[in-house]
Every structure is written in C-alpha cells, then in structure tokens.
Amino acid sequence: MALPPDSLARALWFHTAAPLPASPSLAGSASCDVAIIGAGILGLSTALALAQAGVAVTVLEAHAAGAGASGRNGGLVVPSLPRISPEQVRDKLGAEQAARLLGLLSTGADAVFGLIRQHGIACDAVQSGWLNPAHAASLAPRVAARVQHWQAAGARCIWLDAAESRARMGSERYHGALFDPSGGHLNPLGYTRGLARAAVAAGAELHEASPVTGQQRTSQGWTLHTKSGRLTAKLVLQCTNLSPPGLSDLAVRHSAVPLTVYQLATPPLPEAVRRAVLPGNEAFSDTRNNLLACRWTADGRLVTGGMAALQTGAMRRLPGKLARRLQAVFPALGRVSFEYVWRGDAALTGDFLPRLMQAAPGWLAVTACNGRGIVMNSVLGPVLAAYLQNGDAAALPLPVAPPHPIRFPSLARLVPQILLPLGDLQDRRAEKA
C-alpha cells in the first residue's frame, strides 16, 4: 500500500533513527508549572533546560516526537541565518539584541554537538563543517564579505578561494565559499528523539498522541484539553510552528508563510564516488535562490532537497529534475536515482527572523526558523527556559510581541511557489554572467 504524501515513514530518517519508546497519551487530570505544546527540537530543548532547572514541565505532542519539520529536514547543522546579513539583523533588532542573537547562532553548531555528546544522543552526528559556496563568479565578493561580517559576530567561518572550494566540493561549478568548521550534519529525527529521552530523564513529562483540542484561561494560568485528559499549567509555550494545535487563535499560525520542501536520498553510493564528491564529508548549501544543499549519510547515501512551483505531482516530477541538477554540478556521481522522497513544511517570515509572540497573558508562541531549525531551535530552548522562569524579556535575543498575522495568508502561501521559476531564471543568468 502506498504511503500518504505527508507520511513521516517516507523519510529515510524514520528507518535509520534510534527508536523512542512510545510515551502514553495524557489521561485524566494533571498539572505542571509549564506546558509545552509540540515535541520538536524547540519544545524538547526548552523542556530539557526547564527540567534540569527543577521546573515541572509537561510536553504535549499531537503525534510522535519529531513527527513535524524537526524530523523531516535534511539534517544540516548550520550556524548562520539565511539571506540576511549581521548588519541587517542589527538594523532590525538594535545592537544589543542583535549581538545576543548573532552570538547564539555563531556558537550554535558547537552547542548542538555539545548536547549530543553530553546526552549520548545516537544520531549519526558528524561535525565536519558547513560550506556556503558561490554558484556564480559575480556572487563570490558577496560571500567573501559575508565571511567577514560573521567573523565579526563571533563565528569561526573562513573564506575559501575558488580552487579551495572546488577541491572541497568535488565540483568545478563554484567560485569560492564560506566555510564554518563548527557545522556539520546529523539524523534530525534521531537527534529530536534523543532530546526527548534526555528531557524525560531530567524529569520532564512527555505525552504523545495528545493533540490539544481546546484551552481555557483560569485564575491559575491555563487548562489545556486533549481527547482523554486535561492539563493545568501556570504558563504555556506553543512550539507547533505551522502545525495547528487545535487552538482557536489563528493569528499565530498566520504570522509566517509555509514553504513545502522536499528531501531526497539516493541509494548507498560507491566509495569511489564518496571520495570524489564532498570528500571531507561536509554539509553544504549554496547561493542559489532555489538553493542546492547536500550531505552524506552514515551508510553512503547523498541527501539533497528542493522545492516545487506546483505541488500536484511534485513527488513524481522533482526526482528527475534534482537528479539532473546533481549530475550537472557533480559529474562524478554519474547517473543519479533516489530511493527515498519525502516532504515537510518550513516556516518563513519576510525578514528571515523567528517570531516570539505573546499570544495571550501567560501564553508564548514561537514560529519560523526559516530553514535553520536544528541550530536555531536548539539554542533558543535554554534561552526560552530562562525567560519562562524569570520573565526578563531584556535578556532575550528576539523581541516578544503580539502576533502580527500576514495579510491574505491564503495568497501569501502561494508567493514562494510563484517566485520559484523567477529564482531559477536568475540563478541561470548569474551562472552565465
């Protein structure tokens, strides 16, 4: 029987991640200090930090830990932001808050791999570095300047010239690259499940198969209702990203635009190919509008991703398109085929920064990692845990504001798909310039 297009079982990670014992659904009445809705990387990293601080915390997950974007992405550990420079972050947030955010991200990959070592998380983690190569010669100066800006913000990145980047990439199609040795790649579902184990071991409660069906404000905080239980909490942290938790407030969901991203994995490839393509086992994502990103897996598969302008039939069409793109960039691959194809939704904002939203008194909602979820959500977790304990918004790396929903959300979600063909055209023109 064919799997539904949105099934997590389509993902390679579902078949290679260390299993997580099922957590019971919420039954009856319970109470805690902080209730977290959503057992992805952000919810679980926050729960872990809260539990370690002695706070009574309960995580409610509609499906299973990592079932959303946290367990479906490509597994790149990227200590950076997409399409926005440190200068633009300072213009948006101000010098002090920007310094906190940039500092977190600059050391964020090291923090991720540190968590993995500390808690013994089995997720095929490889800290071999992240490459951001220029796919067109005209873009090389911009990437070189980006290196300097991130170095000033505290990152360990360096500039690689065209010859160095081509040697690392195994491709003649690039013209220099930002290289950050702190980055790398991992099995994202394995990582998320590992965070769940660590949080539970620290004292957090986790209830899977417990979608929130309603909420009620009380004198003590909030009461969350599920199909078979009721949880009372002083504070609520909503970490559902774009997945609806069953709540009535649509303003949170409409504060970002969903972008469907497809991931694909080849069969295991010969060792000779692995020595020719990304021989240092780095992860990379390039400068294309419709970016090309790749990384190797522990069993010798190449994982890549892409987007589709038309979602209908994309799982049939996209493999051929991405195979041709890989073959053009990496001739050593030969004929490319894919054994796994799956999809998930990323959340985008206009300025490529996440949102911390005060949805209601005592209710904080967070959304939009803009494709940088592994690092961003891992480092935000402890920061949010501290905020939930002391209420000091001045120490946060992002402002806390009411939800600001995007106008005409149904139309806004079509914008990335409409712009994709234009982006492809711009990429091709840049390469020919």
Protein backbone atom coordinates (compact mmCIF):
# COMPACT_ATOMS: atom_id res chain seq x y z
CA MET A 1 0.00 0.00 0.00
CA ALA A 2 1.35 3.42 -1.00
CA LEU A 3 2.15 5.77 1.86
CA PRO A 4 0.35 9.13 2.01
CA PRO A 5 2.48 12.01 0.66
CA ASP A 6 2.87 13.55 4.13
CA SER A 7 3.75 10.32 5.94
CA LEU A 8 6.89 10.50 8.08
CA ALA A 9 7.51 6.87 7.12
CA ARG A 10 8.57 8.13 3.67
CA ALA A 11 11.62 9.78 5.22
CA LEU A 12 14.96 8.00 5.31
CA TRP A 13 15.38 9.14 8.92
CA PHE A 14 12.31 7.18 10.01
CA HIS A 15 14.08 3.97 9.02
CA THR A 16 17.51 4.83 10.44
CA ALA A 17 16.85 6.77 13.67
CA ALA A 18 17.17 5.04 17.01
CA PRO A 19 13.63 4.18 18.18
CA LEU A 20 11.99 6.07 21.03
CA PRO A 21 9.71 4.17 23.41
CA ALA A 22 6.18 5.47 22.95
CA SER A 23 5.05 7.92 25.60
CA PRO A 24 1.49 7.46 26.89
CA SER A 25 -1.17 9.92 25.83
CA LEU A 26 -2.44 12.30 28.50
CA ALA A 27 -5.23 10.69 30.50
CA GLY A 28 -7.17 12.23 33.34
CA SER A 29 -6.17 15.46 35.08
CA ALA A 30 -2.60 16.66 35.59
CA SER A 31 -0.82 19.89 36.46
CA CYS A 32 2.61 21.46 35.96
CA ASP A 33 4.40 24.77 36.01
CA VAL A 34 4.99 24.99 32.24
CA ALA A 35 3.08 23.20 29.48
CA ILE A 36 4.79 22.91 26.11
CA ILE A 37 2.75 22.12 23.01
CA GLY A 38 4.86 20.35 20.39
CA ALA A 39 7.65 17.79 20.78
CA GLY A 40 10.03 19.09 18.15
CA ILE A 41 13.55 20.37 18.69
CA LEU A 42 12.41 23.69 20.20
CA GLY A 43 9.84 22.22 22.56
CA LEU A 44 12.14 19.45 23.73
CA SER A 45 15.26 21.60 24.14
CA THR A 46 13.20 24.01 26.24
CA ALA A 47 11.71 21.15 28.25
CA LEU A 48 15.19 19.73 28.87
CA ALA A 49 16.51 23.05 30.19
CA LEU A 50 13.43 23.58 32.37
CA ALA A 51 13.59 20.08 33.83
CA GLN A 52 17.29 20.48 34.58
CA ALA A 53 16.40 23.67 36.49
CA GLY A 54 13.84 21.78 38.59
CA VAL A 55 10.75 23.21 36.87
CA ALA A 56 7.75 20.90 36.50
CA VAL A 57 7.25 20.76 32.72
CA THR A 58 4.93 18.67 30.55
CA VAL A 59 5.15 18.34 26.75
CA LEU A 60 2.01 17.54 24.75
CA GLU A 61 2.58 16.18 21.24
CA ALA A 62 -0.25 15.56 18.78
CA HIS A 63 1.56 12.71 17.03
CA ALA A 64 5.05 11.50 17.99
CA ALA A 65 8.23 13.31 18.94
CA GLY A 66 9.89 14.66 15.80
CA ALA A 67 6.91 13.98 13.55
CA GLY A 68 6.92 17.51 12.14
CA ALA A 69 9.66 19.56 10.50
CA SER A 70 12.17 18.61 13.22
CA GLY A 71 12.29 15.02 11.97
CA ARG A 72 11.86 15.67 8.24
CA ASN A 73 14.55 18.21 7.33
CA GLY A 74 17.85 17.49 5.59
CA GLY A 75 19.84 17.35 8.82
CA LEU A 76 22.26 20.21 8.07
CA VAL A 77 23.72 21.87 11.16
CA VAL A 78 24.16 25.48 10.00
CA PRO A 79 25.47 28.19 12.38
CA SER A 80 24.06 31.07 10.36
CA LEU A 81 20.93 32.82 9.10
CA PRO A 82 19.54 32.57 5.55
CA ARG A 83 19.54 35.55 3.21
CA ILE A 84 20.07 38.14 5.94
CA SER A 85 23.37 39.68 6.99
CA PRO A 86 24.52 40.54 10.51
CA GLU A 87 24.19 44.22 9.55
CA GLN A 88 20.55 43.71 8.61
CA VAL A 89 19.95 41.91 11.89
CA ARG A 90 21.39 44.91 13.76
CA ASP A 91 19.19 47.29 11.76
CA LYS A 92 16.15 45.19 12.63
CA LEU A 93 16.82 44.40 16.30
CA GLY A 94 19.25 47.03 17.52
CA ALA A 95 22.86 46.45 18.52
CA GLU A 96 22.35 44.76 21.89
CA GLN A 97 19.64 42.29 20.93
CA ALA A 98 21.33 41.54 17.61
CA ALA A 99 24.58 40.78 19.44
CA ARG A 100 22.76 38.23 21.59
CA LEU A 101 21.12 36.52 18.60
CA LEU A 102 24.26 36.53 16.44
CA GLY A 103 26.34 35.26 19.35
CA LEU A 104 23.93 32.38 19.93
CA LEU A 105 23.96 31.40 16.27
CA SER A 106 27.72 31.78 15.82
CA THR A 107 28.33 29.22 18.56
CA GLY A 108 25.10 27.32 17.92
CA ALA A 109 26.55 24.39 15.98
CA ASP A 110 29.08 23.77 18.74
CA ALA A 111 26.16 23.84 21.19
CA VAL A 112 24.27 21.21 19.17
CA PHE A 113 27.20 18.82 19.02
CA GLY A 114 27.88 19.52 22.69
CA LEU A 115 24.33 18.45 23.58
CA ILE A 116 24.78 15.30 21.54
CA ARG A 117 27.97 14.39 23.38
CA GLN A 118 26.60 15.33 26.79
CA HIS A 119 23.49 13.17 26.47
CA GLY A 120 24.92 10.40 24.31
CA ILE A 121 22.41 11.01 21.51
CA ALA A 122 22.68 8.45 18.72
CA CYS A 123 22.02 10.44 15.55
CA ASP A 124 25.00 9.84 13.24
CA ALA A 125 26.33 13.31 14.08
CA VAL A 126 29.35 14.50 12.08
CA GLN A 127 30.93 17.88 12.86
CA SER A 128 32.83 18.14 9.60
CA GLY A 129 31.89 21.72 8.73
CA TRP A 130 29.39 23.60 6.58
CA LEU A 131 30.12 25.11 3.19
CA ASN A 132 28.22 28.02 1.61
CA PRO A 133 29.69 28.21 -1.92
CA ALA A 134 29.05 30.87 -4.55
CA HIS A 135 27.41 29.26 -7.59
CA ALA A 136 28.27 32.29 -9.76
CA ALA A 137 31.51 34.28 -10.01
CA SER A 138 29.59 37.54 -9.54
CA LEU A 139 28.44 36.34 -6.11
CA ALA A 140 31.90 35.48 -4.78
CA PRO A 141 32.60 39.01 -3.43
CA ARG A 142 29.27 38.98 -1.61
CA VAL A 143 30.06 35.64 0.05
CA ALA A 144 33.56 36.85 0.97
CA ALA A 145 32.02 39.90 2.64
CA ARG A 146 29.57 37.64 4.45
CA VAL A 147 32.54 35.76 5.90
CA GLN A 148 33.96 38.98 7.34
CA HIS A 149 30.62 40.03 8.80
CA TRP A 150 30.04 36.69 10.53
CA GLN A 151 33.63 36.61 11.79
CA ALA A 152 32.98 39.99 13.43
CA ALA A 153 29.88 38.49 15.04
CA GLY A 154 31.95 35.69 16.58
CA ALA A 155 31.68 32.90 14.01
CA ARG A 156 34.58 30.58 13.19
CA CYS A 157 33.99 30.79 9.44
CA ILE A 158 36.75 31.41 6.90
CA TRP A 159 36.90 32.25 3.19
CA LEU A 160 37.93 29.58 0.70
CA ASP A 161 39.01 30.74 -2.75
CA ALA A 162 37.75 29.10 -5.94
CA ALA A 163 40.45 26.43 -6.02
CA GLU A 164 39.99 25.51 -2.36
CA SER A 165 36.22 25.41 -2.59
CA ARG A 166 36.28 23.25 -5.74
CA ALA A 167 38.63 20.79 -4.08
CA ARG A 168 36.37 20.51 -1.04
CA MET A 169 33.21 20.29 -3.13
CA GLY A 170 34.43 17.98 -5.85
CA SER A 171 32.83 20.32 -8.39
CA GLU A 172 34.15 22.91 -10.82
CA ARG A 173 30.90 24.88 -10.67
CA TYR A 174 31.74 27.02 -7.64
CA HIS A 175 33.77 30.21 -7.24
CA GLY A 176 34.71 30.44 -3.57
CA ALA A 177 32.92 29.58 -0.34
CA LEU A 178 32.23 30.45 3.25
CA PHE A 179 33.41 27.51 5.37
CA ASP A 180 32.46 27.14 9.02
CA PRO A 181 34.22 24.18 10.66
CA SER A 182 31.72 24.12 13.54
CA GLY A 183 28.86 22.99 11.27
CA GLY A 184 28.05 19.54 10.01
CA HIS A 185 25.13 17.15 9.69
CA LEU A 186 23.11 14.55 11.58
CA ASN A 187 19.98 12.40 11.52
CA PRO A 188 17.39 15.00 12.58
CA LEU A 189 14.78 12.51 13.76
CA GLY A 190 17.40 10.68 15.78
CA TYR A 191 18.51 14.00 17.29
CA THR A 192 14.95 15.00 18.19
CA ARG A 193 14.24 11.63 19.76
CA GLY A 194 17.49 11.93 21.69
CA LEU A 195 16.38 15.29 23.09
CA ALA A 196 13.11 13.64 24.13
CA ARG A 197 14.99 10.91 26.01
CA ALA A 198 17.21 13.48 27.71
CA ALA A 199 14.25 15.68 28.72
CA VAL A 200 12.34 12.74 30.20
CA ALA A 201 15.46 11.53 32.02
CA ALA A 202 15.81 15.02 33.52
CA GLY A 203 12.26 14.88 34.85
CA ALA A 204 10.03 16.26 32.08
CA GLU A 205 6.71 14.59 31.28
CA LEU A 206 6.07 13.72 27.63
CA HIS A 207 2.67 12.71 26.27
CA GLU A 208 2.48 11.71 22.61
CA ALA A 209 -0.78 11.19 20.69
CA SER A 210 -2.18 14.07 22.77
CA PRO A 211 -3.38 16.84 20.45
CA VAL A 212 -4.64 19.93 22.20
CA THR A 213 -8.32 20.30 21.35
CA GLY A 214 -9.08 23.41 23.39
CA GLN A 215 -7.85 25.77 26.05
CA GLN A 216 -9.30 27.74 28.92
CA ARG A 217 -7.84 30.68 30.81
CA THR A 218 -8.04 30.23 34.59
CA SER A 219 -7.01 32.13 37.69
CA GLN A 220 -4.04 29.72 37.96
CA GLY A 221 -2.95 30.05 34.34
CA TRP A 222 -4.27 27.77 31.60
CA THR A 223 -6.11 24.48 31.25
CA LEU A 224 -5.37 22.53 28.06
CA HIS A 225 -7.82 19.89 26.92
CA THR A 226 -6.94 16.78 24.94
CA LYS A 227 -9.18 13.93 23.81
CA SER A 228 -8.62 11.98 27.02
CA GLY A 229 -7.13 14.39 29.51
CA ARG A 230 -6.76 17.84 30.97
CA LEU A 231 -3.55 19.66 31.86
CA THR A 232 -3.40 22.74 34.07
CA ALA A 233 -0.29 24.93 33.83
CA LYS A 234 0.85 28.32 35.03
CA LEU A 235 2.49 29.08 31.65
CA VAL A 236 2.15 27.71 28.12
CA LEU A 237 4.80 27.61 25.39
CA GLN A 238 3.42 26.83 21.93
CA CYS A 239 6.05 25.24 19.66
CA THR A 240 3.84 23.92 16.87
CA ASN A 241 5.39 26.08 14.14
CA LEU A 242 2.80 25.92 11.34
CA SER A 243 1.02 22.78 12.52
CA PRO A 244 -2.31 23.65 14.12
CA PRO A 245 -2.51 22.55 17.77
CA GLY A 246 -6.30 22.66 17.74
CA LEU A 247 -6.42 26.17 19.15
CA SER A 248 -8.76 28.93 18.11
CA ASP A 249 -6.18 31.68 17.69
CA LEU A 250 -5.22 31.73 14.00
CA ALA A 251 -3.05 34.85 14.40
CA VAL A 252 -0.08 32.71 15.49
CA ARG A 253 -0.37 30.33 12.54
CA HIS A 254 -0.70 33.20 10.08
CA SER A 255 2.40 35.03 11.33
CA ALA A 256 4.60 33.06 8.93
CA VAL A 257 4.31 31.61 5.43
CA PRO A 258 4.57 27.84 4.94
CA LEU A 259 7.02 26.54 2.35
CA THR A 260 6.84 22.90 1.31
CA VAL A 261 10.35 21.47 0.97
CA TYR A 262 11.16 18.04 -0.47
CA GLN A 263 14.05 15.88 0.66
CA LEU A 264 15.52 13.04 -1.38
CA ALA A 265 18.08 10.33 -0.62
CA THR A 266 19.99 8.21 -3.12
CA PRO A 267 20.76 4.53 -2.61
CA PRO A 268 24.17 3.89 -0.98
CA LEU A 269 26.82 5.01 -3.46
CA PRO A 270 30.27 3.51 -4.18
CA GLU A 271 33.21 4.58 -2.06
CA ALA A 272 34.94 6.00 -5.15
CA VAL A 273 32.05 8.44 -5.59
CA ARG A 274 32.28 9.50 -1.94
CA ARG A 275 35.97 10.23 -2.39
CA ALA A 276 35.18 12.47 -5.38
CA VAL A 277 32.11 14.37 -4.10
CA LEU A 278 32.38 16.23 -0.80
CA PRO A 279 35.39 14.10 0.14
CA GLY A 280 35.67 15.80 3.55
CA ASN A 281 32.06 14.83 4.41
CA GLU A 282 30.99 18.45 4.89
CA ALA A 283 27.43 19.66 4.54
CA PHE A 284 26.74 22.42 2.05
CA SER A 285 24.03 24.75 0.83
CA ASP A 286 24.86 27.15 -1.98
CA THR A 287 23.78 30.65 -3.02
CA ARG A 288 21.02 29.76 -5.48
CA ASN A 289 17.56 31.20 -4.94
CA ASN A 290 16.37 27.61 -5.28
CA LEU A 291 19.35 26.50 -3.26
CA LEU A 292 21.18 23.24 -3.73
CA ALA A 293 22.01 21.52 -0.45
CA CYS A 294 23.67 18.14 0.08
CA ARG A 295 25.24 15.91 2.69
CA TRP A 296 26.33 12.30 3.00
CA THR A 297 24.71 9.84 5.38
CA ALA A 298 26.46 7.26 7.55
CA ASP A 299 25.60 4.50 5.07
CA GLY A 300 26.86 6.39 1.99
CA ARG A 301 23.69 7.99 0.63
CA LEU A 302 23.61 11.52 -0.72
CA VAL A 303 20.71 13.55 0.66
CA THR A 304 19.54 16.67 -1.16
CA GLY A 305 16.44 18.82 -1.25
CA GLY A 306 14.39 21.17 -3.37
CA MET A 307 11.11 22.98 -3.91
CA ALA A 308 8.37 22.72 -6.49
CA ALA A 309 6.36 25.53 -8.08
CA LEU A 310 3.39 23.18 -8.47
CA GLN A 311 2.71 20.79 -5.61
CA THR A 312 0.42 18.44 -7.53
CA GLY A 313 2.54 15.53 -8.73
CA ALA A 314 5.75 17.05 -7.31
CA MET A 315 6.89 13.76 -5.82
CA ARG A 316 6.89 12.28 -9.33
CA ARG A 317 8.45 15.23 -11.13
CA LEU A 318 11.01 16.51 -8.66
CA PRO A 319 13.33 13.47 -8.51
CA GLY A 320 14.16 13.74 -12.20
CA LYS A 321 14.75 17.49 -12.01
CA LEU A 322 17.00 17.24 -8.95
CA ALA A 323 18.87 14.26 -10.39
CA ARG A 324 19.75 16.32 -13.46
CA ARG A 325 20.86 19.22 -11.27
CA LEU A 326 23.13 16.99 -9.18
CA GLN A 327 24.60 15.36 -12.27
CA ALA A 328 25.42 18.78 -13.75
CA VAL A 329 27.11 20.01 -10.55
CA PHE A 330 28.82 16.71 -9.66
CA PRO A 331 29.69 14.74 -12.83
CA ALA A 332 31.46 12.12 -10.70
CA LEU A 333 28.05 10.95 -9.45
CA GLY A 334 27.17 9.52 -12.83
CA ARG A 335 23.51 8.59 -13.21
CA VAL A 336 21.56 9.68 -10.13
CA SER A 337 18.46 7.99 -8.74
CA PHE A 338 16.62 8.33 -5.44
CA GLU A 339 15.38 5.66 -3.09
CA TYR A 340 13.55 7.95 -0.64
CA VAL A 341 11.45 11.06 -1.31
CA TRP A 342 9.61 12.91 1.45
CA ARG A 343 8.37 16.37 2.31
CA GLY A 344 7.71 18.78 5.16
CA ASP A 345 6.86 22.43 5.73
CA ALA A 346 9.29 25.16 6.69
CA ALA A 347 8.01 28.46 8.10
CA LEU A 348 9.22 31.72 6.53
CA THR A 349 8.98 35.33 7.62
CA GLY A 350 9.59 38.40 5.48
CA ASP A 351 12.75 39.35 7.35
CA PHE A 352 14.00 35.75 7.85
CA LEU A 353 13.92 36.10 11.64
CA PRO A 354 11.86 33.94 14.03
CA ARG A 355 8.90 35.30 15.94
CA LEU A 356 8.43 35.23 19.73
CA MET A 357 4.75 36.04 20.24
CA GLN A 358 2.76 36.79 23.36
CA ALA A 359 -0.42 35.15 22.12
CA ALA A 360 -2.19 35.85 25.44
CA PRO A 361 -1.15 36.51 29.05
CA GLY A 362 0.93 33.53 30.15
CA TRP A 363 0.97 32.06 26.62
CA LEU A 364 4.13 32.37 24.50
CA ALA A 365 4.24 31.10 20.91
CA VAL A 366 7.34 30.70 18.73
CA THR A 367 7.48 30.15 14.98
CA ALA A 368 9.60 30.42 11.85
CA CYS A 369 13.16 29.12 11.95
CA ASN A 370 13.36 29.94 8.20
CA GLY A 371 15.12 26.70 7.33
CA ARG A 372 17.71 26.87 10.12
CA GLY A 373 15.74 24.87 12.68
CA ILE A 374 18.37 22.49 14.07
CA VAL A 375 20.70 25.20 15.37
CA MET A 376 18.15 27.96 15.92
CA ASN A 377 15.71 25.84 17.92
CA SER A 378 18.45 24.11 19.90
CA VAL A 379 19.96 27.38 21.16
CA LEU A 380 16.63 29.12 21.71
CA GLY A 381 15.44 26.35 24.04
CA PRO A 382 17.63 27.22 27.07
CA VAL A 383 17.04 30.95 26.48
CA LEU A 384 13.26 30.49 26.49
CA ALA A 385 13.52 28.27 29.56
CA ALA A 386 15.27 31.10 31.41
CA TYR A 387 12.66 33.61 30.25
CA LEU A 388 9.79 31.39 31.39
CA GLN A 389 11.40 31.28 34.84
CA ASN A 390 12.44 34.92 35.33
CA GLY A 391 10.32 36.87 32.83
CA ASP A 392 13.32 39.01 31.82
CA ALA A 393 12.50 39.94 28.22
CA ALA A 394 15.50 42.27 28.10
CA ALA A 395 17.81 39.23 28.06
CA LEU A 396 16.14 37.63 25.03
CA PRO A 397 17.77 37.59 21.57
CA LEU A 398 14.46 38.49 19.91
CA PRO A 399 11.61 40.83 20.85
CA VAL A 400 8.42 39.47 22.38
CA ALA A 401 5.48 40.97 20.53
CA PRO A 402 1.81 40.23 19.88
CA PRO A 403 1.10 38.03 16.84
CA HIS A 404 1.20 40.05 13.64
CA PRO A 405 -0.59 37.91 11.06
CA ILE A 406 0.28 38.25 7.41
CA ARG A 407 -2.48 39.81 5.33
CA PHE A 408 -4.25 37.45 2.96
CA PRO A 409 -2.49 34.30 4.24
CA SER A 410 -4.01 32.04 1.58
CA LEU A 411 -2.43 34.19 -1.13
CA ALA A 412 0.82 34.69 0.78
CA ARG A 413 1.48 30.95 0.90
CA LEU A 414 1.47 30.91 -2.92
CA VAL A 415 4.18 33.58 -3.21
CA PRO A 416 7.20 31.25 -2.79
CA GLN A 417 5.80 28.92 -5.45
CA ILE A 418 5.11 31.80 -7.83
CA LEU A 419 8.61 33.25 -7.34
CA LEU A 420 10.41 29.92 -7.74
CA PRO A 421 10.55 29.95 -11.59
CA LEU A 422 11.85 33.53 -11.45
CA GLY A 423 14.50 32.47 -8.97
CA ASP A 424 15.56 29.60 -11.23
CA LEU A 425 15.90 32.06 -14.13
CA GLN A 426 18.01 34.44 -12.03
CA ASP A 427 20.26 31.55 -10.96
CA ARG A 428 20.89 30.53 -14.56
CA ARG A 429 21.62 34.08 -15.65
CA ALA A 430 24.05 34.59 -12.78
CA GLU A 431 25.96 31.45 -13.76
CA LYS A 432 26.28 32.64 -17.36
CA ALA A 433 27.34 36.19 -16.46
